[in-house]
């Protein structure tokens, strides 16, 4: 099978075949001996440009690059770049694409990754653009689900919390539309509902339910994908304070769920998942974060020789 993309910008750009290629390659990387992986990015330089804070995404990408034998350049603080002097994103990307073979970028402005891909001579990997998309997170989410349940199609999946600003759930919704007979339950306060455009885009392929009550569908769910209420996305801090504790998961919820029920979370968490759940069989979020390594290795290996 041949991968069709030269950039990783939005999960909406992926065909089902493209997703399958990444997931299959990630599974190969998990089983591959260390010495075989070590030379895959020999001679390659990857630019890691993080205009917005990140722990898991940045470090897992940089670990993946080094595990594959590549070298990393870049920054984790835009104040250390010429952006602080007023340089435009387009100019920065044009310059850096002359230094690196692949560019991994996180930016606070929606659409920034798409713009970068239009001016870059090298592949762009979107590591999150504002409240828009986070495609590599979605790929590792799908990989985690498939590993845990042996399938993705036919599951009942709850999306919980900040569905308005949460780029991870936006991307995941579009990805799940590739998998038949999947049901999605959007659980959020009224002010943080999933955008109706996203629901309409996927309503023909997914069964989608909206509710403010977690308890309404909890016994049916195979998986609950919890998200943080993102303080940094709120213009009004008072509004954030009013709803920041709207959903707090603890061991009591397991009294109403299936034995096979699992909880995922893109992390970081604040207080929406109590640590008492960490030691239960329901907790899948740390394994989920760990799966970022094979998935991002797969993506880097696919794009390493791409010519645009």
C-alpha atoms as a PDB file:
ATOM      1  CA  UNK A   1       0.000   0.000   0.000  1.00  0.00           C
ATOM      2  CA  UNK A   2       1.198   3.501  -0.816  1.00  0.00           C
ATOM      3  CA  UNK A   3       0.764   6.462   1.530  1.00  0.00           C
ATOM      4  CA  UNK A   4      -0.934   9.325  -0.295  1.00  0.00           C
ATOM      5  CA  UNK A   5       0.062  12.383   1.765  1.00  0.00           C
ATOM      6  CA  UNK A   6       3.151  14.598   1.684  1.00  0.00           C
ATOM      7  CA  UNK A   7       2.173  16.496   4.857  1.00  0.00           C
ATOM      8  CA  UNK A   8       0.308  15.523   8.049  1.00  0.00           C
ATOM      9  CA  UNK A   9      -1.993  18.510   8.571  1.00  0.00           C
ATOM     10  CA  UNK A  10      -5.484  17.247   9.302  1.00  0.00           C
ATOM     11  CA  UNK A  11      -6.961  13.828   9.930  1.00  0.00           C
ATOM     12  CA  UNK A  12      -9.574  14.857   7.351  1.00  0.00           C
ATOM     13  CA  UNK A  13      -6.889  14.490   4.675  1.00  0.00           C
ATOM     14  CA  UNK A  14      -6.437  10.795   5.516  1.00  0.00           C
ATOM     15  CA  UNK A  15      -8.107   7.989   3.659  1.00  0.00           C
ATOM     16  CA  UNK A  16      -8.846   4.785   5.547  1.00  0.00           C
ATOM     17  CA  UNK A  17      -5.902   3.255   3.671  1.00  0.00           C
ATOM     18  CA  UNK A  18      -3.558   5.996   4.905  1.00  0.00           C
ATOM     19  CA  UNK A  19      -4.654   5.393   8.501  1.00  0.00           C
ATOM     20  CA  UNK A  20      -4.157   1.642   8.108  1.00  0.00           C
ATOM     21  CA  UNK A  21      -0.627   2.171   6.785  1.00  0.00           C
ATOM     22  CA  UNK A  22       0.338   4.219   9.856  1.00  0.00           C
ATOM     23  CA  UNK A  23      -1.252   1.790  12.333  1.00  0.00           C
ATOM     24  CA  UNK A  24       0.348  -1.244  10.703  1.00  0.00           C
ATOM     25  CA  UNK A  25       3.767   0.413  10.594  1.00  0.00           C
ATOM     26  CA  UNK A  26       3.431   1.469  14.249  1.00  0.00           C
ATOM     27  CA  UNK A  27       2.761  -2.166  15.188  1.00  0.00           C
ATOM     28  CA  UNK A  28       5.913  -3.149  13.265  1.00  0.00           C
ATOM     29  CA  UNK A  29       7.964  -0.584  15.183  1.00  0.00           C
ATOM     30  CA  UNK A  30       6.763  -1.944  18.523  1.00  0.00           C
ATOM     31  CA  UNK A  31       8.140  -5.368  17.629  1.00  0.00           C
ATOM     32  CA  UNK A  32      11.263  -4.191  15.798  1.00  0.00           C
ATOM     33  CA  UNK A  33      14.682  -4.735  17.476  1.00  0.00           C
ATOM     34  CA  UNK A  34      16.375  -1.525  18.645  1.00  0.00           C
ATOM     35  CA  UNK A  35      19.371  -1.972  16.333  1.00  0.00           C
ATOM     36  CA  UNK A  36      17.138  -2.238  13.256  1.00  0.00           C
ATOM     37  CA  UNK A  37      15.325   1.007  14.109  1.00  0.00           C
ATOM     38  CA  UNK A  38      18.465   2.958  14.882  1.00  0.00           C
ATOM     39  CA  UNK A  39      19.462   3.742  11.294  1.00  0.00           C
ATOM     40  CA  UNK A  40      16.121   4.608   9.717  1.00  0.00           C
ATOM     41  CA  UNK A  41      16.640   8.389   9.986  1.00  0.00           C
ATOM     42  CA  UNK A  42      20.423   8.366   9.569  1.00  0.00           C
ATOM     43  CA  UNK A  43      21.505  11.602   7.935  1.00  0.00           C
ATOM     44  CA  UNK A  44      18.081  13.204   8.438  1.00  0.00           C
ATOM     45  CA  UNK A  45      17.414  16.405  10.391  1.00  0.00           C
ATOM     46  CA  UNK A  46      13.973  17.092  11.852  1.00  0.00           C
ATOM     47  CA  UNK A  47      12.978  20.596  12.979  1.00  0.00           C
ATOM     48  CA  UNK A  48      10.864  20.643  16.148  1.00  0.00           C
ATOM     49  CA  UNK A  49       9.071  24.013  16.265  1.00  0.00           C
ATOM     50  CA  UNK A  50       6.819  24.485  19.295  1.00  0.00           C
ATOM     51  CA  UNK A  51       5.184  27.896  19.441  1.00  0.00           C
ATOM     52  CA  UNK A  52       2.917  26.584  22.223  1.00  0.00           C
ATOM     53  CA  UNK A  53       3.777  24.514  25.349  1.00  0.00           C
ATOM     54  CA  UNK A  54       3.923  20.732  25.047  1.00  0.00           C
ATOM     55  CA  UNK A  55       5.299  17.810  27.018  1.00  0.00           C
ATOM     56  CA  UNK A  56       4.129  14.494  25.533  1.00  0.00           C
ATOM     57  CA  UNK A  57       3.942  15.501  21.882  1.00  0.00           C
ATOM     58  CA  UNK A  58       7.260  17.327  21.746  1.00  0.00           C
ATOM     59  CA  UNK A  59       9.233  14.832  23.803  1.00  0.00           C
ATOM     60  CA  UNK A  60       7.751  11.772  22.106  1.00  0.00           C
ATOM     61  CA  UNK A  61       8.576  13.208  18.674  1.00  0.00           C
ATOM     62  CA  UNK A  62      12.112  14.097  19.721  1.00  0.00           C
ATOM     63  CA  UNK A  63      12.598  10.676  21.334  1.00  0.00           C
ATOM     64  CA  UNK A  64      11.272   8.976  18.199  1.00  0.00           C
ATOM     65  CA  UNK A  65      13.661  10.999  16.017  1.00  0.00           C
ATOM     66  CA  UNK A  66      16.675  10.091  18.143  1.00  0.00           C
ATOM     67  CA  UNK A  67      15.645   6.422  18.443  1.00  0.00           C
ATOM     68  CA  UNK A  68      15.593   6.282  14.630  1.00  0.00           C
ATOM     69  CA  UNK A  69      19.030   7.841  14.338  1.00  0.00           C
ATOM     70  CA  UNK A  70      17.954  11.320  13.258  1.00  0.00           C
ATOM     71  CA  UNK A  71      18.986  14.726  14.623  1.00  0.00           C
ATOM     72  CA  UNK A  72      16.724  17.412  16.066  1.00  0.00           C
ATOM     73  CA  UNK A  73      16.907  21.184  15.728  1.00  0.00           C
ATOM     74  CA  UNK A  74      14.343  23.731  16.879  1.00  0.00           C
ATOM     75  CA  UNK A  75      12.844  25.381  19.929  1.00  0.00           C
ATOM     76  CA  UNK A  76      10.262  24.851  22.653  1.00  0.00           C
ATOM     77  CA  UNK A  77       9.786  28.563  23.345  1.00  0.00           C
ATOM     78  CA  UNK A  78       8.903  31.011  20.562  1.00  0.00           C
ATOM     79  CA  UNK A  79      10.681  33.746  22.515  1.00  0.00           C
ATOM     80  CA  UNK A  80      13.911  31.988  21.503  1.00  0.00           C
ATOM     81  CA  UNK A  81      13.065  32.372  17.804  1.00  0.00           C
ATOM     82  CA  UNK A  82      12.868  35.299  15.390  1.00  0.00           C
ATOM     83  CA  UNK A  83       9.088  35.302  15.889  1.00  0.00           C
ATOM     84  CA  UNK A  84       9.824  37.506  18.889  1.00  0.00           C
ATOM     85  CA  UNK A  85      11.386  40.011  16.452  1.00  0.00           C
ATOM     86  CA  UNK A  86       8.299  40.054  14.260  1.00  0.00           C
ATOM     87  CA  UNK A  87       9.242  37.469  11.629  1.00  0.00           C
ATOM     88  CA  UNK A  88       6.185  35.969   9.946  1.00  0.00           C
ATOM     89  CA  UNK A  89       5.388  32.256  10.199  1.00  0.00           C
ATOM     90  CA  UNK A  90       5.708  31.928   6.416  1.00  0.00           C
ATOM     91  CA  UNK A  91       9.208  33.386   6.408  1.00  0.00           C
ATOM     92  CA  UNK A  92      10.272  31.212   9.343  1.00  0.00           C
ATOM     93  CA  UNK A  93       9.056  28.060   7.602  1.00  0.00           C
ATOM     94  CA  UNK A  94      10.664  28.970   4.271  1.00  0.00           C
ATOM     95  CA  UNK A  95      14.008  29.413   6.029  1.00  0.00           C
ATOM     96  CA  UNK A  96      13.786  26.318   8.230  1.00  0.00           C
ATOM     97  CA  UNK A  97      12.698  24.081   5.341  1.00  0.00           C
ATOM     98  CA  UNK A  98      16.139  24.761   3.920  1.00  0.00           C
ATOM     99  CA  UNK A  99      17.756  23.357   7.070  1.00  0.00           C
ATOM    100  CA  UNK A 100      15.655  20.275   7.831  1.00  0.00           C
ATOM    101  CA  UNK A 101      14.190  17.230   6.080  1.00  0.00           C
ATOM    102  CA  UNK A 102      10.908  17.245   8.072  1.00  0.00           C
ATOM    103  CA  UNK A 103       9.256  19.962  10.180  1.00  0.00           C
ATOM    104  CA  UNK A 104       7.151  19.125  13.241  1.00  0.00           C
ATOM    105  CA  UNK A 105       5.182  22.185  14.329  1.00  0.00           C
ATOM    106  CA  UNK A 106       2.758  23.190  17.068  1.00  0.00           C
ATOM    107  CA  UNK A 107       1.180  26.630  16.859  1.00  0.00           C
ATOM    108  CA  UNK A 108      -1.569  28.472  18.716  1.00  0.00           C
ATOM    109  CA  UNK A 109      -3.250  29.782  15.541  1.00  0.00           C
ATOM    110  CA  UNK A 110      -5.786  27.583  13.755  1.00  0.00           C
ATOM    111  CA  UNK A 111      -4.780  26.947  10.174  1.00  0.00           C
ATOM    112  CA  UNK A 112      -1.100  27.672  10.816  1.00  0.00           C
ATOM    113  CA  UNK A 113      -0.010  24.141   9.873  1.00  0.00           C
ATOM    114  CA  UNK A 114      -1.873  24.320   6.558  1.00  0.00           C
ATOM    115  CA  UNK A 115      -0.216  27.652   5.794  1.00  0.00           C
ATOM    116  CA  UNK A 116       3.184  26.216   6.683  1.00  0.00           C
ATOM    117  CA  UNK A 117       2.639  23.285   4.306  1.00  0.00           C
ATOM    118  CA  UNK A 118       1.880  25.707   1.472  1.00  0.00           C
ATOM    119  CA  UNK A 119       5.240  27.468   1.753  1.00  0.00           C
ATOM    120  CA  UNK A 120       7.486  24.606   2.891  1.00  0.00           C
ATOM    121  CA  UNK A 121       9.594  22.531   0.534  1.00  0.00           C
ATOM    122  CA  UNK A 122       9.703  19.768   3.157  1.00  0.00           C
ATOM    123  CA  UNK A 123       6.937  17.730   4.846  1.00  0.00           C
ATOM    124  CA  UNK A 124       5.071  19.469   7.682  1.00  0.00           C
ATOM    125  CA  UNK A 125       3.681  17.466  10.593  1.00  0.00           C
ATOM    126  CA  UNK A 126       0.975  19.303  12.507  1.00  0.00           C
ATOM    127  CA  UNK A 127       1.555  18.768  16.230  1.00  0.00           C
ATOM    128  CA  UNK A 128      -1.544  20.839  17.065  1.00  0.00           C
ATOM    129  CA  UNK A 129      -2.846  24.119  15.656  1.00  0.00           C
ATOM    130  CA  UNK A 130      -4.896  26.044  18.192  1.00  0.00           C
ATOM    131  CA  UNK A 131      -8.285  24.469  18.847  1.00  0.00           C
ATOM    132  CA  UNK A 132      -8.360  22.993  15.345  1.00  0.00           C
ATOM    133  CA  UNK A 133      -6.620  19.627  14.747  1.00  0.00           C
ATOM    134  CA  UNK A 134      -4.069  17.257  16.292  1.00  0.00           C
ATOM    135  CA  UNK A 135      -3.734  14.438  13.737  1.00  0.00           C
ATOM    136  CA  UNK A 136      -0.810  12.518  15.252  1.00  0.00           C
ATOM    137  CA  UNK A 137      -2.637  12.375  18.591  1.00  0.00           C
ATOM    138  CA  UNK A 138      -5.617  10.915  16.768  1.00  0.00           C
ATOM    139  CA  UNK A 139      -3.477   8.272  15.103  1.00  0.00           C
ATOM    140  CA  UNK A 140      -2.042   7.181  18.444  1.00  0.00           C
ATOM    141  CA  UNK A 141      -5.579   7.202  19.879  1.00  0.00           C
ATOM    142  CA  UNK A 142      -6.762   4.877  17.111  1.00  0.00           C
ATOM    143  CA  UNK A 143      -3.713   2.680  17.620  1.00  0.00           C
ATOM    144  CA  UNK A 144      -4.454   2.477  21.360  1.00  0.00           C
ATOM    145  CA  UNK A 145      -8.110   1.591  20.773  1.00  0.00           C
ATOM    146  CA  UNK A 146      -7.238  -1.097  18.236  1.00  0.00           C
ATOM    147  CA  UNK A 147      -4.596  -2.625  20.528  1.00  0.00           C
ATOM    148  CA  UNK A 148      -6.965  -2.689  23.499  1.00  0.00           C
ATOM    149  CA  UNK A 149     -10.198  -3.834  21.863  1.00  0.00           C
ATOM    150  CA  UNK A 150      -8.866  -5.636  18.795  1.00  0.00           C
ATOM    151  CA  UNK A 151     -11.043  -3.407  16.624  1.00  0.00           C
ATOM    152  CA  UNK A 152     -12.366   0.130  16.224  1.00  0.00           C
ATOM    153  CA  UNK A 153     -15.586  -0.454  14.287  1.00  0.00           C
ATOM    154  CA  UNK A 154     -18.712  -1.102  16.285  1.00  0.00           C
ATOM    155  CA  UNK A 155     -17.552   0.420  19.578  1.00  0.00           C
ATOM    156  CA  UNK A 156     -19.537   2.833  21.724  1.00  0.00           C
ATOM    157  CA  UNK A 157     -17.264   5.754  22.518  1.00  0.00           C
ATOM    158  CA  UNK A 158     -17.992   8.694  24.812  1.00  0.00           C
ATOM    159  CA  UNK A 159     -16.242  12.045  24.295  1.00  0.00           C
ATOM    160  CA  UNK A 160     -16.264  13.966  27.568  1.00  0.00           C
ATOM    161  CA  UNK A 161     -15.534  17.524  28.647  1.00  0.00           C
ATOM    162  CA  UNK A 162     -14.279  20.318  26.411  1.00  0.00           C
ATOM    163  CA  UNK A 163     -15.650  19.358  23.006  1.00  0.00           C
ATOM    164  CA  UNK A 164     -15.683  22.942  21.724  1.00  0.00           C
ATOM    165  CA  UNK A 165     -11.990  23.783  22.020  1.00  0.00           C
ATOM    166  CA  UNK A 166     -10.565  20.253  22.288  1.00  0.00           C
ATOM    167  CA  UNK A 167      -8.624  19.653  19.071  1.00  0.00           C
ATOM    168  CA  UNK A 168      -8.037  15.998  20.005  1.00  0.00           C
ATOM    169  CA  UNK A 169     -11.751  15.192  19.983  1.00  0.00           C
ATOM    170  CA  UNK A 170     -12.316  17.156  16.772  1.00  0.00           C
ATOM    171  CA  UNK A 171      -9.740  15.034  14.974  1.00  0.00           C
ATOM    172  CA  UNK A 172     -10.951  11.821  16.606  1.00  0.00           C
ATOM    173  CA  UNK A 173     -14.532  12.396  15.489  1.00  0.00           C
ATOM    174  CA  UNK A 174     -13.482  12.656  11.845  1.00  0.00           C
ATOM    175  CA  UNK A 175     -11.246   9.595  12.150  1.00  0.00           C
ATOM    176  CA  UNK A 176     -13.953   7.434  13.717  1.00  0.00           C
ATOM    177  CA  UNK A 177     -16.174   8.123  10.700  1.00  0.00           C
ATOM    178  CA  UNK A 178     -13.991   5.640   8.781  1.00  0.00           C
ATOM    179  CA  UNK A 179     -15.151   2.804  11.053  1.00  0.00           C
ATOM    180  CA  UNK A 180     -18.657   1.353  10.428  1.00  0.00           C
ATOM    181  CA  UNK A 181     -21.291   0.941  13.153  1.00  0.00           C
ATOM    182  CA  UNK A 182     -19.425   3.148  15.620  1.00  0.00           C
ATOM    183  CA  UNK A 183     -21.512   5.176  18.070  1.00  0.00           C
ATOM    184  CA  UNK A 184     -20.218   8.428  19.557  1.00  0.00           C
ATOM    185  CA  UNK A 185     -21.679  10.064  22.659  1.00  0.00           C
ATOM    186  CA  UNK A 186     -20.773  13.759  23.023  1.00  0.00           C
ATOM    187  CA  UNK A 187     -20.960  14.616  26.726  1.00  0.00           C
ATOM    188  CA  UNK A 188     -20.304  18.231  27.669  1.00  0.00           C
ATOM    189  CA  UNK A 189     -21.725  21.367  29.270  1.00  0.00           C
ATOM    190  CA  UNK A 190     -23.885  23.410  26.916  1.00  0.00           C
ATOM    191  CA  UNK A 191     -21.171  26.066  26.490  1.00  0.00           C
ATOM    192  CA  UNK A 192     -18.568  23.455  25.429  1.00  0.00           C
ATOM    193  CA  UNK A 193     -20.621  21.433  22.966  1.00  0.00           C
ATOM    194  CA  UNK A 194     -19.019  19.951  19.886  1.00  0.00           C
ATOM    195  CA  UNK A 195     -19.354  22.335  16.938  1.00  0.00           C
ATOM    196  CA  UNK A 196     -22.437  21.502  14.925  1.00  0.00           C
ATOM    197  CA  UNK A 197     -20.394  21.636  11.723  1.00  0.00           C
ATOM    198  CA  UNK A 198     -18.295  18.692  12.949  1.00  0.00           C
ATOM    199  CA  UNK A 199     -21.383  16.744  13.980  1.00  0.00           C
ATOM    200  CA  UNK A 200     -23.073  17.402  10.629  1.00  0.00           C
ATOM    201  CA  UNK A 201     -19.937  16.415   8.704  1.00  0.00           C
ATOM    202  CA  UNK A 202     -19.933  12.995  10.378  1.00  0.00           C
ATOM    203  CA  UNK A 203     -23.600  12.309  11.078  1.00  0.00           C
ATOM    204  CA  UNK A 204     -24.097  10.102   7.993  1.00  0.00           C
ATOM    205  CA  UNK A 205     -21.286   7.712   8.965  1.00  0.00           C
ATOM    206  CA  UNK A 206     -21.556   7.764  12.760  1.00  0.00           C
ATOM    207  CA  UNK A 207     -24.423   7.463  15.202  1.00  0.00           C
ATOM    208  CA  UNK A 208     -23.954  10.602  17.293  1.00  0.00           C
ATOM    209  CA  UNK A 209     -25.713  11.456  20.549  1.00  0.00           C
ATOM    210  CA  UNK A 210     -25.372  14.673  22.565  1.00  0.00           C
ATOM    211  CA  UNK A 211     -25.991  14.997  26.297  1.00  0.00           C
ATOM    212  CA  UNK A 212     -24.926  16.974  29.366  1.00  0.00           C
ATOM    213  CA  UNK A 213     -25.400  13.939  31.610  1.00  0.00           C
ATOM    214  CA  UNK A 214     -22.534  11.448  31.852  1.00  0.00           C
ATOM    215  CA  UNK A 215     -24.712   8.956  33.710  1.00  0.00           C
ATOM    216  CA  UNK A 216     -27.224   8.731  30.845  1.00  0.00           C
ATOM    217  CA  UNK A 217     -25.061   6.526  28.621  1.00  0.00           C
ATOM    218  CA  UNK A 218     -22.298   5.360  30.964  1.00  0.00           C
ATOM    219  CA  UNK A 219     -23.444   1.697  31.233  1.00  0.00           C
ATOM    220  CA  UNK A 220     -23.387   1.365  27.415  1.00  0.00           C
ATOM    221  CA  UNK A 221     -19.901   2.739  26.797  1.00  0.00           C
ATOM    222  CA  UNK A 222     -16.895   0.662  25.791  1.00  0.00           C
ATOM    223  CA  UNK A 223     -14.607   3.661  26.072  1.00  0.00           C
ATOM    224  CA  UNK A 224     -14.740   7.138  27.600  1.00  0.00           C
ATOM    225  CA  UNK A 225     -12.355   9.701  26.094  1.00  0.00           C
ATOM    226  CA  UNK A 226     -12.039  12.414  28.742  1.00  0.00           C
ATOM    227  CA  UNK A 227     -10.589  15.857  28.065  1.00  0.00           C
ATOM    228  CA  UNK A 228      -9.337  18.730  30.177  1.00  0.00           C
ATOM    229  CA  UNK A 229     -11.374  21.932  30.424  1.00  0.00           C
ATOM    230  CA  UNK A 230      -8.763  24.155  28.783  1.00  0.00           C
ATOM    231  CA  UNK A 231      -8.303  27.356  30.753  1.00  0.00           C
ATOM    232  CA  UNK A 232      -6.027  28.813  28.073  1.00  0.00           C
ATOM    233  CA  UNK A 233      -8.845  28.749  25.480  1.00  0.00           C
ATOM    234  CA  UNK A 234     -11.209  30.908  27.569  1.00  0.00           C
ATOM    235  CA  UNK A 235     -11.314  34.684  27.046  1.00  0.00           C
ATOM    236  CA  UNK A 236     -13.390  34.998  30.234  1.00  0.00           C
ATOM    237  CA  UNK A 237     -11.755  33.448  33.325  1.00  0.00           C
ATOM    238  CA  UNK A 238     -15.049  33.664  35.239  1.00  0.00           C
ATOM    239  CA  UNK A 239     -16.679  31.374  32.666  1.00  0.00           C
ATOM    240  CA  UNK A 240     -13.842  28.885  33.123  1.00  0.00           C
ATOM    241  CA  UNK A 241     -14.201  28.934  36.923  1.00  0.00           C
ATOM    242  CA  UNK A 242     -17.918  28.186  36.568  1.00  0.00           C
ATOM    243  CA  UNK A 243     -17.458  24.948  34.644  1.00  0.00           C
ATOM    244  CA  UNK A 244     -13.910  23.721  35.375  1.00  0.00           C
ATOM    245  CA  UNK A 245     -15.157  21.001  37.749  1.00  0.00           C
ATOM    246  CA  UNK A 246     -18.191  19.928  35.742  1.00  0.00           C
ATOM    247  CA  UNK A 247     -16.933  16.342  35.229  1.00  0.00           C
ATOM    248  CA  UNK A 248     -14.675  14.608  37.741  1.00  0.00           C
ATOM    249  CA  UNK A 249     -14.145  10.877  37.241  1.00  0.00           C
ATOM    250  CA  UNK A 250     -13.515   8.637  40.244  1.00  0.00           C
ATOM    251  CA  UNK A 251     -13.867   4.949  41.129  1.00  0.00           C
ATOM    252  CA  UNK A 252     -17.609   5.321  41.686  1.00  0.00           C
ATOM    253  CA  UNK A 253     -18.248   5.455  37.945  1.00  0.00           C
ATOM    254  CA  UNK A 254     -16.936   1.878  37.603  1.00  0.00           C
ATOM    255  CA  UNK A 255     -19.987   0.637  39.545  1.00  0.00           C
ATOM    256  CA  UNK A 256     -22.078   1.435  36.446  1.00  0.00           C
ATOM    257  CA  UNK A 257     -19.731   0.394  33.622  1.00  0.00           C
ATOM    258  CA  UNK A 258     -18.859  -2.811  31.786  1.00  0.00           C
ATOM    259  CA  UNK A 259     -15.860  -4.808  33.020  1.00  0.00           C
ATOM    260  CA  UNK A 260     -14.178  -4.105  29.697  1.00  0.00           C
ATOM    261  CA  UNK A 261     -14.781  -0.340  30.038  1.00  0.00           C
ATOM    262  CA  UNK A 262     -11.691   1.847  29.496  1.00  0.00           C
ATOM    263  CA  UNK A 263     -10.809   5.517  29.985  1.00  0.00           C
ATOM    264  CA  UNK A 264      -8.523   7.477  27.668  1.00  0.00           C
ATOM    265  CA  UNK A 265      -7.255  11.050  28.008  1.00  0.00           C
ATOM    266  CA  UNK A 266      -4.810  12.999  25.795  1.00  0.00           C
ATOM    267  CA  UNK A 267      -3.233  14.517  28.944  1.00  0.00           C
ATOM    268  CA  UNK A 268      -2.310  16.640  30.768  1.00  0.00           C
ATOM    269  CA  UNK A 269      -5.124  16.154  33.232  1.00  0.00           C
ATOM    270  CA  UNK A 270      -5.957  18.666  35.946  1.00  0.00           C
ATOM    271  CA  UNK A 271      -8.644  17.238  38.210  1.00  0.00           C
ATOM    272  CA  UNK A 272     -11.010  15.538  35.753  1.00  0.00           C
ATOM    273  CA  UNK A 273      -9.602  12.051  36.496  1.00  0.00           C
ATOM    274  CA  UNK A 274      -8.807  11.268  40.119  1.00  0.00           C
ATOM    275  CA  UNK A 275      -5.521   9.386  40.697  1.00  0.00           C
ATOM    276  CA  UNK A 276      -7.482   6.598  42.407  1.00  0.00           C
ATOM    277  CA  UNK A 277      -8.468   5.423  38.902  1.00  0.00           C
ATOM    278  CA  UNK A 278      -4.843   5.048  37.797  1.00  0.00           C
ATOM    279  CA  UNK A 279      -4.450   1.584  39.322  1.00  0.00           C
ATOM    280  CA  UNK A 280      -7.699   0.202  37.901  1.00  0.00           C
ATOM    281  CA  UNK A 281      -8.095  -1.820  34.713  1.00  0.00           C
ATOM    282  CA  UNK A 282     -10.127   1.068  33.271  1.00  0.00           C
ATOM    283  CA  UNK A 283      -7.119   3.383  33.093  1.00  0.00           C
ATOM    284  CA  UNK A 284      -5.710   3.374  29.567  1.00  0.00           C
ATOM    285  CA  UNK A 285      -4.345   6.928  29.410  1.00  0.00           C
ATOM    286  CA  UNK A 286      -0.716   6.227  30.370  1.00  0.00           C
ATOM    287  CA  UNK A 287      -0.500   3.387  27.843  1.00  0.00           C
ATOM    288  CA  UNK A 288      -2.090   5.772  25.346  1.00  0.00           C
ATOM    289  CA  UNK A 289       0.684   8.332  25.908  1.00  0.00           C
ATOM    290  CA  UNK A 290       3.323   5.612  25.563  1.00  0.00           C
ATOM    291  CA  UNK A 291       1.844   4.634  22.184  1.00  0.00           C
ATOM    292  CA  UNK A 292       2.890   8.027  20.859  1.00  0.00           C
ATOM    293  CA  UNK A 293       6.382   6.655  20.270  1.00  0.00           C
ATOM    294  CA  UNK A 294       5.667   3.833  17.776  1.00  0.00           C
ATOM    295  CA  UNK A 295       3.036   5.914  15.982  1.00  0.00           C
ATOM    296  CA  UNK A 296       5.310   8.933  15.587  1.00  0.00           C
ATOM    297  CA  UNK A 297       8.184   6.696  14.511  1.00  0.00           C
ATOM    298  CA  UNK A 298       5.876   5.298  11.852  1.00  0.00           C
ATOM    299  CA  UNK A 299       4.956   8.769  10.597  1.00  0.00           C
ATOM    300  CA  UNK A 300       8.568   9.960  10.489  1.00  0.00           C
ATOM    301  CA  UNK A 301       9.703   6.847   8.635  1.00  0.00           C
ATOM    302  CA  UNK A 302       6.925   7.276   6.060  1.00  0.00           C
ATOM    303  CA  UNK A 303       7.752  10.944   5.376  1.00  0.00           C
ATOM    304  CA  UNK A 304      11.561  10.767   5.553  1.00  0.00           C
ATOM    305  CA  UNK A 305      12.088  10.608   1.775  1.00  0.00           C
ATOM    306  CA  UNK A 306       9.050  12.598   0.612  1.00  0.00           C
ATOM    307  CA  UNK A 307       9.624  15.106  -2.163  1.00  0.00           C
ATOM    308  CA  UNK A 308       7.095  17.934  -2.468  1.00  0.00           C
END
